[in-house]
Protein backbone atom coordinates (compact mmCIF):
# COMPACT_ATOMS: atom_id res chain seq x y z
CA MET A 1 40.46 86.40 103.37
CA GLU A 2 42.63 88.23 100.60
CA LEU A 3 40.19 90.15 98.28
CA HIS A 4 40.25 92.46 95.46
CA ASP A 5 37.18 94.42 95.37
CA ALA A 6 35.94 96.96 92.67
CA GLY A 7 33.42 98.98 94.79
CA GLN A 8 33.59 102.63 94.69
CA GLY A 9 32.66 103.13 98.23
CA GLY A 10 30.10 105.24 99.73
CA GLU A 11 26.59 104.40 100.66
CA VAL A 12 25.89 102.91 97.29
CA GLY A 13 29.12 101.46 96.33
CA THR A 14 30.50 99.75 99.57
CA THR A 15 30.63 95.65 98.91
CA TYR A 16 29.38 93.92 101.90
CA PHE A 17 29.68 90.20 102.96
CA ASP A 18 28.09 88.40 105.46
CA VAL A 19 30.39 85.90 107.28
CA VAL A 20 29.14 83.09 109.32
CA ILE A 21 31.38 81.02 111.58
CA ASP A 22 29.95 77.37 112.43
CA GLY A 23 26.65 78.60 111.77
CA ALA A 24 26.56 81.32 114.37
CA PRO A 25 24.76 84.41 113.23
CA ALA A 26 25.94 86.49 110.14
CA ARG A 27 28.28 89.18 110.93
CA GLN A 28 28.31 92.11 108.23
CA LEU A 29 31.48 92.78 106.79
CA ALA A 30 32.27 95.96 104.67
CA VAL A 31 35.19 96.00 102.18
CA SER A 32 36.94 98.38 100.29
CA ARG A 33 38.86 98.66 97.02
CA HIS A 34 42.11 100.08 98.90
CA GLN A 35 42.37 96.65 101.52
CA SER A 36 42.94 93.52 100.30
CA SER A 37 43.18 91.57 103.78
CA TYR A 38 40.29 90.74 106.01
CA VAL A 39 40.23 88.69 109.28
CA LEU A 40 37.11 86.45 109.18
CA ALA A 41 37.62 84.52 112.78
CA THR A 42 40.05 84.67 115.60
CA GLY A 43 40.18 82.74 118.76
CA LEU A 44 38.78 79.34 117.45
CA GLU A 45 39.62 76.35 119.66
CA ALA A 46 41.52 73.29 117.69
CA GLY A 47 39.14 71.49 115.70
CA LEU A 48 36.94 71.60 112.86
CA HIS A 49 35.33 74.75 111.89
CA THR A 50 32.88 75.86 108.97
CA VAL A 51 33.55 79.29 107.51
CA GLU A 52 30.43 80.71 105.14
CA LEU A 53 30.97 83.88 103.03
CA ILE A 54 27.99 85.30 101.32
CA LYS A 55 28.43 88.28 99.01
CA ARG A 56 25.22 90.46 99.78
CA THR A 57 25.98 92.95 97.08
CA GLU A 58 25.38 92.60 93.53
CA SER A 59 27.81 93.48 90.50
CA LEU A 60 25.60 96.92 90.23
CA VAL A 61 27.33 97.67 93.66
CA GLY A 62 30.86 96.01 92.56
CA HIS A 63 32.58 92.95 91.82
CA SER A 64 35.04 91.09 94.05
CA GLU A 65 37.61 88.68 93.25
CA LEU A 66 38.44 85.94 96.03
CA VAL A 67 41.95 85.66 95.88
CA ALA A 68 42.96 83.40 98.63
CA LEU A 69 41.92 81.84 102.16
CA GLU A 70 44.34 81.63 104.72
CA VAL A 71 44.05 79.60 107.95
CA HIS A 72 45.89 78.43 110.93
CA GLY A 73 45.67 74.86 110.27
CA GLU A 74 44.43 73.29 106.98
CA LEU A 75 41.57 73.41 104.66
CA ARG A 76 39.35 70.92 104.67
CA GLU A 77 36.70 69.50 101.93
CA PRO A 78 33.35 71.66 102.17
CA PRO A 79 30.10 70.06 103.45
CA VAL A 80 28.40 67.75 100.65
CA ARG A 81 26.34 69.98 98.33
CA ALA A 82 22.57 69.65 98.25
CA GLY A 83 21.18 67.12 95.86
CA LEU A 84 18.72 69.64 94.55
CA ARG A 85 20.18 72.31 92.23
CA MET A 86 18.23 75.75 91.68
CA GLU A 87 18.98 78.75 89.60
CA PHE A 88 16.81 81.82 89.92
CA VAL A 89 17.42 84.48 87.11
CA GLY A 90 16.17 88.00 87.28
CA ASP A 91 16.74 91.79 88.30
CA SER A 92 16.69 93.88 91.55
CA ILE A 93 14.02 91.47 93.35
CA THR A 94 16.08 88.35 92.68
CA CYS A 95 18.99 90.22 94.23
CA GLY A 96 17.58 91.55 97.56
CA TYR A 97 17.46 95.12 96.87
CA GLY A 98 16.60 97.13 99.65
CA SER A 99 15.33 93.87 101.56
CA ASP A 100 16.80 94.71 105.07
CA VAL A 101 14.52 97.91 105.31
CA ALA A 102 10.53 97.67 105.74
CA LEU A 103 8.23 100.79 105.95
CA ILE A 104 4.76 101.08 105.95
CA PRO A 105 3.73 104.35 103.65
CA ASP A 106 1.97 106.55 105.55
CA SER A 107 0.19 108.74 102.72
CA PRO A 108 -0.26 108.45 99.12
CA SER A 109 2.59 110.90 98.82
CA TRP A 110 5.12 109.04 100.76
CA THR A 111 8.59 108.55 99.25
CA ALA A 112 10.33 105.48 99.91
CA PRO A 113 13.97 105.64 101.13
CA THR A 114 16.74 105.32 97.82
CA PHE A 115 19.29 102.55 97.53
CA THR A 116 22.04 101.81 99.85
CA SER A 117 24.21 98.86 99.42
CA LYS A 118 24.10 98.17 103.25
CA ASN A 119 20.60 97.10 103.10
CA GLN A 120 20.73 94.46 100.12
CA ASN A 121 20.44 90.94 101.11
CA PRO A 122 19.77 88.03 99.07
CA ARG A 123 19.38 85.84 102.09
CA ARG A 124 16.01 87.41 102.87
CA THR A 125 14.67 87.07 99.31
CA TYR A 126 12.18 84.73 97.76
CA ALA A 127 14.91 82.73 95.89
CA TRP A 128 17.32 81.85 99.17
CA LEU A 129 13.89 81.44 101.31
CA THR A 130 12.53 79.13 98.54
CA ALA A 131 15.70 77.09 97.91
CA GLY A 132 15.97 76.58 101.55
CA ASN A 133 12.51 75.23 102.06
CA LEU A 134 13.15 72.79 99.18
CA GLY A 135 16.79 71.80 100.51
CA ALA A 136 18.30 73.14 97.39
CA GLU A 137 21.44 74.72 96.71
CA ALA A 138 20.70 78.61 95.30
CA VAL A 139 22.48 80.37 92.42
CA LEU A 140 21.27 83.90 91.81
CA ILE A 141 21.83 85.52 88.54
CA CYS A 142 20.44 88.79 88.53
CA TYR A 143 21.19 92.37 88.33
CA SER A 144 19.18 95.48 89.25
CA GLY A 145 17.59 97.63 86.67
CA HIS A 146 17.76 95.20 83.56
CA GLY A 147 15.04 93.69 81.69
CA VAL A 148 14.26 91.01 78.76
CA TYR A 149 14.22 93.31 76.02
CA ARG A 150 14.69 96.64 77.70
CA ASN A 151 16.02 98.04 80.61
CA LEU A 152 14.62 100.42 83.46
CA ASP A 153 16.66 103.03 81.79
CA MET A 154 15.39 102.45 78.12
CA SER A 155 18.94 101.16 77.51
CA THR A 156 19.34 97.63 75.34
CA SER A 157 22.72 96.72 76.65
CA GLY A 158 23.39 94.02 79.05
CA LEU A 159 20.02 92.49 78.93
CA VAL A 160 19.19 89.57 81.63
CA PRO A 161 19.58 86.86 78.60
CA ALA A 162 23.04 88.17 77.37
CA LEU A 163 23.93 88.33 81.22
CA TYR A 164 22.95 84.74 81.89
CA ASP A 165 26.12 83.77 79.60
CA LEU A 166 28.67 85.96 81.52
CA ALA A 167 30.80 84.72 84.36
CA VAL A 168 30.34 88.19 85.84
CA PRO A 169 28.28 91.07 84.35
CA ASP A 170 29.79 93.58 82.52
CA HIS A 171 32.81 91.51 81.88
CA GLY A 172 33.31 89.53 78.64
CA VAL A 173 34.31 86.41 80.08
CA ALA A 174 31.87 83.28 79.18
CA TRP A 175 30.46 81.32 81.94
CA ASP A 176 31.24 77.33 81.48
CA PHE A 177 28.12 75.45 81.15
CA ALA A 178 30.06 71.96 81.23
CA GLY A 179 29.34 71.48 84.98
CA ALA A 180 26.26 70.08 86.15
CA SER A 181 23.01 71.70 85.05
CA PRO A 182 20.13 72.87 87.40
CA ASP A 183 17.38 70.87 88.26
CA VAL A 184 14.78 74.17 88.31
CA ILE A 185 15.22 77.41 86.79
CA VAL A 186 13.22 80.28 88.07
CA VAL A 187 13.03 83.23 85.55
CA ASN A 188 11.48 86.54 87.50
CA ALA A 189 12.26 89.03 84.41
CA GLY A 190 10.19 91.47 83.14
CA THR A 191 9.57 94.07 85.92
CA ASN A 192 12.21 96.57 84.04
CA ASP A 193 10.69 95.88 80.67
CA THR A 194 7.28 96.76 82.29
CA PHE A 195 8.05 100.03 84.18
CA ALA A 196 10.52 101.39 81.47
CA GLY A 197 9.71 104.89 81.09
CA SER A 198 6.00 106.57 81.01
CA GLY A 199 4.03 109.08 79.69
CA THR A 200 3.38 108.25 75.99
CA ASP A 201 2.74 105.25 74.17
CA ALA A 202 6.35 105.11 73.23
CA TYR A 203 7.16 103.99 76.67
CA LEU A 204 4.56 101.09 76.70
CA PRO A 205 6.27 97.69 76.37
CA ASP A 206 6.37 96.23 72.88
CA GLU A 207 4.87 92.92 72.81
CA ALA A 208 6.33 91.66 69.74
CA ALA A 209 9.98 92.87 70.99
CA PHE A 210 9.28 91.44 74.46
CA LYS A 211 7.93 88.03 73.27
CA SER A 212 10.69 87.88 70.68
CA ALA A 213 13.34 88.37 73.31
CA TYR A 214 11.85 86.18 75.82
CA ARG A 215 11.02 83.35 73.59
CA ALA A 216 14.81 82.91 72.15
CA PHE A 217 15.62 82.91 75.96
CA LEU A 218 13.50 79.94 76.97
CA THR A 219 15.03 78.53 73.73
CA ARG A 220 18.52 79.03 75.00
CA LEU A 221 17.99 77.76 78.42
CA ARG A 222 16.48 74.82 76.95
CA THR A 223 19.44 74.09 74.69
CA LEU A 224 21.84 74.63 77.60
CA HIS A 225 19.71 72.33 80.16
CA PRO A 226 17.54 70.12 78.30
CA ARG A 227 16.46 68.21 81.24
CA ALA A 228 15.63 71.40 83.84
CA HIS A 229 12.38 72.24 84.96
CA ILE A 230 11.91 75.81 84.03
CA VAL A 231 9.45 78.24 85.78
CA CYS A 232 8.48 81.66 84.50
CA THR A 233 7.16 84.23 87.00
CA LEU A 234 7.33 87.95 87.67
CA GLY A 235 6.66 90.13 90.51
CA SER A 236 5.75 91.21 93.07
CA MET A 237 6.30 94.80 92.42
CA THR A 238 3.95 94.58 89.27
CA ASP A 239 1.78 91.86 87.30
CA GLY A 240 2.75 93.22 84.15
CA HIS A 241 0.00 95.47 83.51
CA LYS A 242 0.68 99.13 82.34
CA GLN A 243 -1.71 101.82 80.53
CA LEU A 244 -1.59 104.87 78.83
CA GLU A 245 -4.36 107.32 79.28
CA GLN A 246 -4.08 110.18 76.22
CA ASN A 247 -6.65 112.48 74.55
CA GLY A 248 -9.44 110.47 76.22
CA THR A 249 -8.01 106.87 74.97
CA THR A 250 -6.79 104.48 77.20
CA THR A 251 -4.20 102.02 75.96
CA SER A 252 -3.26 98.93 78.19
CA VAL A 253 -0.61 96.16 77.87
CA HIS A 254 -0.14 93.19 80.29
CA VAL A 255 3.35 91.35 80.35
CA GLY A 256 1.96 88.91 82.79
CA ASP A 257 -0.28 87.71 79.75
CA TRP A 258 2.29 87.72 77.52
CA LEU A 259 4.31 85.09 79.75
CA THR A 260 1.20 82.89 80.11
CA GLU A 261 0.82 83.04 76.55
CA LEU A 262 4.61 82.00 75.78
CA VAL A 263 4.69 79.22 78.54
CA ALA A 264 1.58 77.95 76.50
CA GLU A 265 3.31 78.20 73.32
CA ARG A 266 6.31 76.30 74.49
CA GLN A 267 3.87 73.64 76.15
CA GLN A 268 1.82 73.22 72.78
CA GLN A 269 5.34 72.70 71.20
CA GLY A 270 5.78 69.78 73.20
CA ASP A 271 8.13 71.40 76.39
CA ALA A 272 6.53 69.84 78.99
CA ARG A 273 8.81 71.09 81.77
CA VAL A 274 8.13 74.79 81.46
CA TYR A 275 5.53 76.41 83.79
CA ARG A 276 3.86 79.87 84.51
CA HIS A 277 3.74 80.88 88.05
CA VAL A 278 1.60 83.81 88.79
CA MET A 279 3.08 85.79 91.57
CA ALA A 280 0.88 88.12 93.95
CA VAL A 281 1.56 91.71 93.92
CA GLN A 282 3.16 93.11 96.90
CA ASN A 283 0.85 94.91 100.03
CA PRO A 284 2.89 97.75 101.11
CA ASN A 285 0.41 98.78 103.63
CA VAL A 286 0.13 95.52 105.27
CA ASP A 287 3.91 94.10 104.56
CA GLY A 288 5.84 97.59 104.10
CA VAL A 289 8.02 97.97 101.53
CA GLY A 290 12.10 98.27 101.18
CA GLU A 291 14.11 100.90 99.77
CA ASP A 292 13.06 102.24 96.00
CA TRP A 293 9.37 100.33 96.78
CA HIS A 294 11.22 97.33 96.49
CA PRO A 295 9.75 93.81 98.28
CA SER A 296 10.10 94.13 102.01
CA ALA A 297 11.29 90.65 103.94
CA ALA A 298 7.86 89.88 104.82
CA THR A 299 6.67 90.19 101.13
CA HIS A 300 9.73 87.86 99.99
CA GLN A 301 8.67 85.58 102.69
CA LYS A 302 5.04 85.21 101.03
CA MET A 303 6.55 85.01 97.81
CA ALA A 304 8.83 81.95 98.83
CA GLU A 305 5.81 80.15 100.42
CA ALA A 306 4.00 80.62 97.33
CA LEU A 307 6.67 79.71 94.99
CA THR A 308 7.58 76.62 97.23
CA TRP A 309 4.31 75.30 97.30
CA PHE A 310 3.99 75.59 93.33
CA ILE A 311 7.18 73.75 92.82
CA ARG A 312 6.73 71.00 95.37
CA ASP A 313 3.02 70.65 94.07
CA VAL A 314 3.20 71.22 90.29
CA VAL A 315 6.66 71.14 89.07
CA ARG A 316 8.13 68.09 91.44
CA PRO A 317 11.52 67.80 90.52
């Protein structure tokens, strides 16, 4: 494989791939911006072989450009693509942030380990597992820390709706939507809008701003994909509730309720292919947590089971 990689290296900046030869267990491959050539397989018997290359790490770690594949033989057409095509749009949860780690908190003051790129694994996410359950092709469009109208760090650039239109995050090249549309789009965004900031009511999510941005994104998705089923969900790190207690007064908001209202609004306007799926909040004491309190593989498995059921029985694409 000839590759150009932009990762900065180290524990948080090293890009990783999974390499799968003929369906065997994946081999984890670390790449470097200082190396351009990588051997994926050697000593194979003469015959037809299948090579799968899955990028484990997201654009937060660094983007990669696949320049060429070099084979001793000839490249054949890839296997037939799945008939059902799904897109999963979201943040770190969809990206598989810390999903290769699972630890049970041992006290209320317990601190979760922080992010390392080697433990990011999209193939253990609810998104990948749900697509596998349904025999679908999965496309994951996600970026850690980014939200619908504000990001986790309170910035407002690179928001999820804007990223959707790009070929690669952080680069100004637009995605070409001329190809086939997805059959199902799952939007799992709003966690960072909820968690951003703390301490004063200035940090509580703003209902009007959130709804305006989310409403515009749903309109954009429907314009691009007139026949797609759009599933709106949230979680599983929060159900969207956030409250502030100040001077004896409690102020609370609920992003999850806002999603329910937005879906109902579109349905009342005649869009019968938009749905609200309520995702259960993770249980760290039972299923553990990944890095920075992100869902463990066990939590992702439960998320996938519930979402699979919902798509089979309610959406029925």
